[in-house]
Protein backbone atom coordinates (compact mmCIF):
# COMPACT_ATOMS: atom_id res chain seq x y z
CA MET A 1 113.90 114.54 93.37
CA SER A 2 112.80 118.09 92.77
CA GLY A 3 110.52 120.67 94.32
CA THR A 4 109.88 121.62 97.92
CA ARG A 5 107.34 118.96 98.75
CA HIS A 6 107.57 117.46 102.23
CA LEU A 7 107.55 113.69 102.58
CA LEU A 8 105.62 111.99 105.36
CA TYR A 9 106.63 108.39 106.15
CA LEU A 10 104.15 106.29 108.15
CA HIS A 11 105.29 102.97 109.61
CA GLY A 12 103.16 99.91 110.21
CA PHE A 13 101.63 98.23 113.25
CA ARG A 14 104.15 97.56 116.05
CA SER A 15 106.82 99.26 113.95
CA SER A 16 108.70 102.54 114.24
CA PRO A 17 110.88 105.08 112.39
CA ARG A 18 113.70 102.59 113.04
CA SER A 19 112.23 100.06 110.61
CA PHE A 20 114.31 98.98 107.63
CA LYS A 21 112.18 100.75 105.03
CA ALA A 22 111.99 103.94 107.10
CA ARG A 23 115.77 103.98 107.44
CA VAL A 24 116.23 103.43 103.70
CA VAL A 25 113.96 106.42 103.01
CA GLN A 26 115.81 108.50 105.61
CA GLN A 27 119.15 107.66 103.99
CA ARG A 28 117.94 108.51 100.48
CA MET A 29 116.47 111.81 101.62
CA ALA A 30 119.68 112.70 103.43
CA ALA A 31 121.77 111.79 100.38
CA ALA A 32 119.61 114.14 98.30
CA GLY A 33 120.14 116.94 100.82
CA ARG A 34 116.50 116.78 101.83
CA ALA A 35 116.63 115.28 105.32
CA GLY A 36 114.80 118.33 106.62
CA ASP A 37 111.86 117.66 104.28
CA LEU A 38 111.13 114.25 105.84
CA ILE A 39 108.50 113.86 108.55
CA CYS A 40 108.79 110.41 110.14
CA PRO A 41 106.99 110.22 113.50
CA GLN A 42 106.58 107.40 115.98
CA LEU A 43 102.86 106.71 115.77
CA PRO A 44 100.90 105.96 118.96
CA PRO A 45 98.78 102.77 119.08
CA SER A 46 95.50 104.70 118.93
CA PRO A 47 94.58 105.38 115.27
CA LYS A 48 92.82 108.60 116.27
CA ALA A 49 95.81 109.78 118.29
CA ALA A 50 98.11 108.78 115.43
CA MET A 51 96.21 110.89 112.92
CA ASP A 52 95.89 113.80 115.35
CA LEU A 53 99.68 113.72 115.74
CA VAL A 54 100.26 113.56 111.99
CA LEU A 55 97.85 116.43 111.29
CA THR A 56 99.67 118.54 113.89
CA LEU A 57 103.06 117.75 112.38
CA VAL A 58 101.88 118.41 108.84
CA GLU A 59 100.39 121.75 109.88
CA ARG A 60 103.59 122.65 111.73
CA HIS A 61 105.63 122.01 108.58
CA ALA A 62 103.11 123.98 106.48
CA ALA A 63 102.90 120.84 104.38
CA GLN A 64 99.21 120.72 103.60
CA GLY A 65 97.92 120.45 100.08
CA GLU A 66 98.50 118.57 96.88
CA ASN A 67 101.81 120.18 96.01
CA ALA A 68 103.21 120.55 99.51
CA LEU A 69 103.01 116.99 100.82
CA ALA A 70 103.50 113.42 99.67
CA ILE A 71 103.12 110.31 101.80
CA VAL A 72 104.77 106.90 101.97
CA GLY A 73 102.87 104.38 104.07
CA SER A 74 103.79 100.79 104.88
CA SER A 75 101.21 98.19 105.94
CA LEU A 76 98.94 99.92 108.50
CA GLY A 77 100.76 103.11 107.56
CA GLY A 78 99.42 102.59 104.04
CA PHE A 79 95.87 102.52 105.43
CA TYR A 80 96.57 105.79 107.23
CA ALA A 81 98.25 107.27 104.16
CA THR A 82 95.14 106.61 102.07
CA TRP A 83 92.91 108.49 104.50
CA LEU A 84 95.36 111.39 104.56
CA ALA A 85 95.78 111.45 100.77
CA GLU A 86 92.01 111.70 100.37
CA ARG A 87 91.94 114.49 102.95
CA PHE A 88 94.77 116.54 101.44
CA GLY A 89 94.49 115.55 97.78
CA CYS A 90 98.19 114.67 97.71
CA ARG A 91 100.28 111.84 96.27
CA ALA A 92 100.75 108.65 98.27
CA ALA A 93 102.97 105.62 97.78
CA LEU A 94 101.68 102.52 99.53
CA ILE A 95 103.91 99.55 100.38
CA ASN A 96 101.97 96.35 101.03
CA PRO A 97 99.18 98.48 102.52
CA ALA A 98 96.50 97.18 104.85
CA VAL A 99 93.26 97.63 102.91
CA ASP A 100 90.89 96.66 105.72
CA PRO A 101 92.85 96.20 108.97
CA LEU A 102 89.82 95.99 111.25
CA GLN A 103 89.61 92.20 111.27
CA ASP A 104 93.37 91.64 111.11
CA LEU A 105 94.03 93.84 114.12
CA ASP A 106 91.05 92.56 116.09
CA GLN A 107 93.18 89.55 117.03
CA HIS A 108 95.83 91.89 118.44
CA VAL A 109 93.52 93.56 120.96
CA GLY A 110 95.30 93.45 124.31
CA VAL A 111 98.92 93.89 125.31
CA THR A 112 101.54 93.34 122.62
CA THR A 113 105.11 94.51 122.07
CA ALA A 114 106.87 96.93 119.75
CA TRP A 115 109.13 95.28 117.18
CA HIS A 116 112.24 97.39 117.64
CA THR A 117 112.25 97.98 121.38
CA GLY A 118 110.36 95.02 122.81
CA GLU A 119 108.39 97.47 124.94
CA PRO A 120 104.82 96.42 125.73
CA PHE A 121 101.86 98.53 124.70
CA GLU A 122 98.12 98.04 124.74
CA PHE A 123 96.01 97.91 121.60
CA LYS A 124 92.57 98.69 122.97
CA ARG A 125 89.20 97.44 121.73
CA GLU A 126 88.05 100.98 120.96
CA TYR A 127 90.92 101.35 118.49
CA ILE A 128 89.00 99.08 116.11
CA ASP A 129 86.21 101.67 115.96
CA GLU A 130 88.84 104.37 115.42
CA LEU A 131 90.18 102.40 112.45
CA ALA A 132 86.66 102.07 111.03
CA ALA A 133 86.32 105.86 111.08
CA LEU A 134 89.42 106.16 108.86
CA LYS A 135 88.43 103.56 106.27
CA VAL A 136 88.29 104.79 102.67
CA GLY A 137 85.77 102.68 100.77
CA THR A 138 86.78 103.81 97.28
CA ILE A 139 89.74 106.00 96.42
CA THR A 140 89.26 109.10 94.31
CA ARG A 141 91.76 110.25 91.68
CA PRO A 142 93.65 106.95 91.61
CA GLU A 143 96.39 108.53 89.51
CA ARG A 144 97.79 110.15 92.65
CA TYR A 145 98.48 106.72 94.20
CA PHE A 146 101.43 104.37 93.68
CA LEU A 147 101.08 100.79 94.92
CA LEU A 148 104.09 98.60 95.63
CA ALA A 149 102.74 95.15 96.46
CA ALA A 150 104.42 91.76 96.85
CA THR A 151 102.80 88.51 95.81
CA GLY A 152 104.81 86.81 98.55
CA ASP A 153 103.35 88.96 101.34
CA GLU A 154 102.79 86.48 104.18
CA VAL A 155 100.60 88.86 106.21
CA LEU A 156 98.26 90.53 103.69
CA ASP A 157 96.82 89.43 100.34
CA TYR A 158 98.30 91.50 97.51
CA ARG A 159 95.17 90.85 95.41
CA ASP A 160 93.12 92.93 97.83
CA MET A 161 95.61 95.77 97.37
CA VAL A 162 95.53 95.55 93.56
CA ALA A 163 91.73 95.64 93.59
CA HIS A 164 91.43 98.47 96.11
CA TYR A 165 93.90 100.69 94.24
CA ARG A 166 92.60 99.86 90.77
CA GLY A 167 93.57 102.55 88.29
CA ALA A 168 96.60 103.61 90.32
CA HIS A 169 100.17 103.21 89.18
CA GLN A 170 101.00 99.69 90.38
CA HIS A 171 104.21 97.71 90.70
CA VAL A 172 103.53 94.15 91.78
CA ILE A 173 106.67 92.33 92.89
CA GLN A 174 106.71 88.63 92.14
CA GLY A 175 107.63 87.00 95.43
CA SER A 176 109.32 89.06 98.16
CA ASP A 177 107.56 89.36 101.55
CA HIS A 178 105.48 91.70 103.71
CA ALA A 179 108.53 93.70 104.76
CA VAL A 180 109.77 94.00 101.14
CA SER A 181 113.22 92.95 102.34
CA GLU A 182 114.82 94.19 99.11
CA PHE A 183 113.23 97.64 99.42
CA GLU A 184 116.50 99.33 98.47
CA GLN A 185 115.77 98.17 94.92
CA TYR A 186 112.47 100.06 94.86
CA VAL A 187 112.98 103.15 97.03
CA ASP A 188 114.07 105.38 94.14
CA GLU A 189 110.91 104.48 92.23
CA VAL A 190 108.81 105.29 95.29
CA LEU A 191 110.51 108.63 95.91
CA ALA A 192 110.43 109.61 92.24
CA PHE A 193 106.67 109.16 92.26
CA CYS A 194 106.24 111.12 95.48
CA LEU A 195 108.74 113.92 95.03
CA GLY A 196 109.76 114.07 91.38
CA ASP A 197 108.09 114.99 88.15
CA HIS A 198 106.86 111.45 87.62
CA GLN A 199 103.93 111.15 85.25
CA GLN A 200 101.45 109.05 87.16
CA GLY A 201 100.37 105.91 85.34
CA GLY A 202 96.65 106.03 85.98
CA ALA A 203 94.31 103.42 84.56
CA GLY A 204 96.70 102.52 81.77
CA SER A 205 99.48 101.29 84.07
CA ASP A 206 100.36 97.62 84.12
CA PRO A 207 99.32 96.11 87.47
CA ALA A 208 101.64 93.14 86.97
CA ARG A 209 104.73 95.12 86.00
């Protein structure tokens, strides 16, 4: 991993910086002596508030722009990462990303609990409209995206991800699950794309690799 690019990690719905994948990224960054380059916030339930927080943090770290920031987003965090990547023109690695979470999260309107603390929180009806405002219909410059998708995802359909990120560098895992339980096998590939001198695959990459 080279350069001075900051890395923003965005967790999924009901998740936190304590998630398995977030901790794997934290450990790899620390091992590379780059713990200070990682931005890994606890996102509030409101999509608008979540993005307001992220924009504040990114600005505080002077991490705006194509060469100053890269993003890793998991599940709902992948949906957020796509909006941010389009805004900043930066690289983004997406792990089983939610392509269109409006319908999926509609069923979660009401009080639910956080995975890692068990604490209740409310996902309000107006948050669906906030999600709609962040939806990216078609990505631009697909070469700046890396998709890590699992055919065994029990929550989201990997085929939607492959179609939405067509032309991006794609690594489709045969099997696995929504959490990508063996993420330690793939984290170096993700970080190399985000932070290294990786030549992005573009339209010629193999979506079934």
